[in-house]
Amino acid sequence: MKIYTKTGDLGETGLIGGKRVPKHHPRIKACGDLDELNSALGWALRAIKSEAKAAALAFPLERIQNCLFELGAAVASEKEKGDPHFDQWVSELEKEIDEMTESLETLKNFILPGGSEIASRLFLSRAVCRRAERSLCEIDEQGPSLKSAVIYLNRLSDYLFTAARWANKVLKEPEVIWKGSAP
């Protein structure tokens, strides 16, 4: 099977089910945002797998990548689908957020993305996640409900923020505190 099909050469692509839509269609944009998020997580995983102290993040991030792939398939279909996994996925993220938070200092300031390389990649993944969430909100206004998926991405952004803070802690990198722009 060839990787190129030439079916998108005229600026259209297919949704699951065969419907052709412009490549700028909101569902295709959201699929692209989810794909970019999955790629950013893969990039973060590359750094995590090279650092034993942060290895505890590898399994959850690989699970999240698989969830995002399933979410992308749901977004690429205009048919109403049940989403029985989203509640479970949200619960898993909340449990992991709570576990990481137990070892972190209470936030007393805003922090800027940065610190270790792993944390920086996770902060970038969080920003991409927020964009994907906004894309899903736009689709949700236009058709079959993706409210559970929006909740999942909202919680995932919280998870990625917490994971970045946790990575900085275990790698002994200080958090970058926002000091404002006043001289």
Protein backbone atom coordinates (compact mmCIF):
# COMPACT_ATOMS: atom_id res chain seq x y z
CA MET A 1 0.00 0.00 0.00
CA LYS A 2 1.38 3.39 -0.96
CA ILE A 3 1.50 6.12 1.65
CA TYR A 4 0.21 8.69 -0.83
CA THR A 5 -3.30 8.40 -2.21
CA LYS A 6 -3.61 11.73 -4.08
CA THR A 7 -7.19 12.02 -2.78
CA GLY A 8 -6.29 15.18 -0.87
CA ASP A 9 -4.62 16.96 -3.77
CA LEU A 10 -7.62 19.24 -4.31
CA GLY A 11 -7.78 20.47 -0.71
CA GLU A 12 -10.26 17.95 0.61
CA THR A 13 -9.99 14.97 2.91
CA GLY A 14 -12.30 12.26 4.14
CA LEU A 15 -14.02 11.87 7.47
CA ILE A 16 -14.66 8.42 8.89
CA GLY A 17 -17.69 7.22 6.97
CA GLY A 18 -16.46 8.62 3.66
CA LYS A 19 -17.82 12.18 3.66
CA ARG A 20 -15.39 14.57 1.91
CA VAL A 21 -14.72 17.93 3.60
CA PRO A 22 -12.31 20.81 3.03
CA LYS A 23 -8.99 20.45 4.82
CA HIS A 24 -9.84 23.61 6.78
CA HIS A 25 -13.03 22.00 8.17
CA PRO A 26 -13.23 22.38 11.99
CA ARG A 27 -13.10 18.59 12.50
CA ILE A 28 -9.94 18.31 10.41
CA LYS A 29 -8.41 21.25 12.28
CA ALA A 30 -9.20 19.53 15.60
CA CYS A 31 -7.73 16.25 14.34
CA GLY A 32 -4.58 18.14 13.39
CA ASP A 33 -4.40 19.73 16.85
CA LEU A 34 -4.79 16.30 18.47
CA ASP A 35 -2.11 14.89 16.18
CA GLU A 36 0.23 17.74 17.11
CA LEU A 37 -0.48 17.11 20.79
CA ASN A 38 0.28 13.42 20.36
CA SER A 39 3.53 14.31 18.58
CA ALA A 40 4.52 16.75 21.34
CA LEU A 41 3.88 14.01 23.91
CA GLY A 42 6.06 11.63 21.88
CA TRP A 43 8.81 14.24 21.96
CA ALA A 44 8.41 14.59 25.74
CA LEU A 45 8.47 10.80 26.10
CA ARG A 46 11.79 10.66 24.26
CA ALA A 47 13.36 12.85 26.94
CA ILE A 48 11.58 11.01 29.77
CA LYS A 49 12.87 7.62 28.64
CA SER A 50 16.41 9.01 28.81
CA GLU A 51 16.03 10.15 32.41
CA ALA A 52 15.52 7.45 35.05
CA LYS A 53 14.28 9.91 37.67
CA ALA A 54 11.29 10.84 35.47
CA ALA A 55 10.54 7.33 34.21
CA ALA A 56 7.30 7.17 36.22
CA LEU A 57 5.75 9.47 33.60
CA ALA A 58 6.42 7.10 30.68
CA PHE A 59 3.52 4.66 31.13
CA PRO A 60 0.85 7.32 31.76
CA LEU A 61 1.99 9.35 28.74
CA GLU A 62 1.96 6.29 26.48
CA ARG A 63 -1.57 5.53 27.71
CA ILE A 64 -2.57 9.13 27.02
CA GLN A 65 -1.17 8.89 23.48
CA ASN A 66 -3.41 5.88 22.85
CA CYS A 67 -6.41 7.73 24.27
CA LEU A 68 -5.69 10.69 22.00
CA PHE A 69 -5.62 8.39 18.99
CA GLU A 70 -9.09 7.09 19.91
CA LEU A 71 -10.28 10.64 20.51
CA GLY A 72 -9.02 11.63 17.06
CA ALA A 73 -11.07 8.84 15.51
CA ALA A 74 -14.18 10.08 17.34
CA VAL A 75 -13.55 13.63 16.11
CA ALA A 76 -13.02 12.41 12.53
CA SER A 77 -16.55 10.97 12.53
CA GLU A 78 -19.62 13.17 12.35
CA LYS A 79 -21.82 10.41 13.74
CA GLU A 80 -22.89 10.52 17.36
CA LYS A 81 -20.81 7.96 19.21
CA GLY A 82 -20.94 6.83 22.76
CA ASP A 83 -17.89 7.83 24.74
CA PRO A 84 -17.74 5.37 27.62
CA HIS A 85 -13.99 5.72 28.03
CA PHE A 86 -13.83 9.45 28.70
CA ASP A 87 -15.12 9.25 32.28
CA GLN A 88 -12.58 6.53 33.08
CA TRP A 89 -9.79 8.49 31.40
CA VAL A 90 -10.68 11.62 33.39
CA SER A 91 -10.69 9.61 36.64
CA GLU A 92 -7.25 8.17 35.84
CA LEU A 93 -5.85 11.64 35.17
CA GLU A 94 -7.34 13.05 38.37
CA LYS A 95 -5.85 10.19 40.43
CA GLU A 96 -2.41 10.76 38.89
CA ILE A 97 -2.66 14.54 39.36
CA ASP A 98 -3.51 14.03 43.03
CA GLU A 99 -0.60 11.60 43.51
CA MET A 100 1.93 13.97 41.93
CA THR A 101 0.52 16.98 43.79
CA GLU A 102 1.12 15.30 47.15
CA SER A 103 4.87 15.63 46.59
CA LEU A 104 4.77 19.23 45.29
CA GLU A 105 4.86 22.48 47.18
CA THR A 106 1.61 24.42 47.20
CA LEU A 107 1.57 27.01 44.44
CA LYS A 108 1.94 30.51 45.85
CA ASN A 109 2.93 32.23 42.61
CA PHE A 110 2.28 31.90 38.93
CA ILE A 111 5.04 29.92 37.28
CA LEU A 112 6.37 30.26 33.78
CA PRO A 113 6.91 27.29 31.46
CA GLY A 114 10.47 26.11 31.79
CA GLY A 115 12.95 24.40 34.03
CA SER A 116 14.21 21.04 32.90
CA GLU A 117 14.05 19.87 29.30
CA ILE A 118 11.37 17.34 30.23
CA ALA A 119 9.26 19.96 32.01
CA SER A 120 9.66 22.36 29.11
CA ARG A 121 8.41 19.72 26.67
CA LEU A 122 5.47 18.95 28.96
CA PHE A 123 4.61 22.65 29.24
CA LEU A 124 4.64 22.90 25.44
CA SER A 125 2.42 19.81 25.25
CA ARG A 126 0.03 21.52 27.66
CA ALA A 127 -0.22 24.58 25.41
CA VAL A 128 -0.99 22.36 22.41
CA CYS A 129 -3.55 20.50 24.53
CA ARG A 130 -5.33 23.77 25.32
CA ARG A 131 -5.52 24.57 21.59
CA ALA A 132 -6.96 21.12 20.87
CA GLU A 133 -9.52 21.72 23.62
CA ARG A 134 -10.56 25.01 22.00
CA SER A 135 -10.92 23.22 18.66
CA LEU A 136 -13.20 20.61 20.22
CA CYS A 137 -15.31 23.33 21.83
CA GLU A 138 -15.84 24.83 18.36
CA ILE A 139 -16.95 21.47 16.95
CA ASP A 140 -19.21 20.83 19.94
CA GLU A 141 -21.18 23.97 19.05
CA GLN A 142 -21.76 22.67 15.50
CA GLY A 143 -22.76 19.04 15.81
CA PRO A 144 -22.63 15.85 17.83
CA SER A 145 -21.60 16.53 21.39
CA LEU A 146 -17.99 16.11 22.41
CA LYS A 147 -18.49 17.50 25.92
CA SER A 148 -16.87 14.46 27.57
CA ALA A 149 -13.87 14.81 25.27
CA VAL A 150 -13.60 18.51 26.14
CA ILE A 151 -13.58 17.59 29.84
CA TYR A 152 -10.86 15.01 29.13
CA LEU A 153 -8.64 17.55 27.37
CA ASN A 154 -9.24 20.09 30.12
CA ARG A 155 -8.10 17.57 32.71
CA LEU A 156 -5.20 16.50 30.50
CA SER A 157 -3.91 20.07 30.44
CA ASP A 158 -4.03 20.05 34.26
CA TYR A 159 -2.18 16.72 34.24
CA LEU A 160 0.54 18.05 31.91
CA PHE A 161 1.02 21.17 34.06
CA THR A 162 1.34 19.02 37.19
CA ALA A 163 3.63 16.52 35.43
CA ALA A 164 5.91 19.37 34.34
CA ARG A 165 6.10 20.64 37.93
CA TRP A 166 6.72 17.11 39.18
CA ALA A 167 9.49 16.57 36.61
CA ASN A 168 11.22 19.76 37.74
CA LYS A 169 11.00 18.59 41.35
CA VAL A 170 12.45 15.12 40.78
CA LEU A 171 15.15 16.55 38.50
CA LYS A 172 15.94 19.23 41.11
CA GLU A 173 15.24 22.08 38.69
CA PRO A 174 13.71 25.20 40.23
CA GLU A 175 10.37 26.38 38.95
CA VAL A 176 10.48 29.63 37.01
CA ILE A 177 8.47 32.12 39.07
CA TRP A 178 6.60 34.87 37.23
CA LYS A 179 7.88 38.20 38.52
CA GLY A 180 5.84 40.55 36.36
CA SER A 181 7.16 42.94 33.79
CA ALA A 182 7.64 46.00 36.04
CA PRO A 183 11.27 47.07 36.46
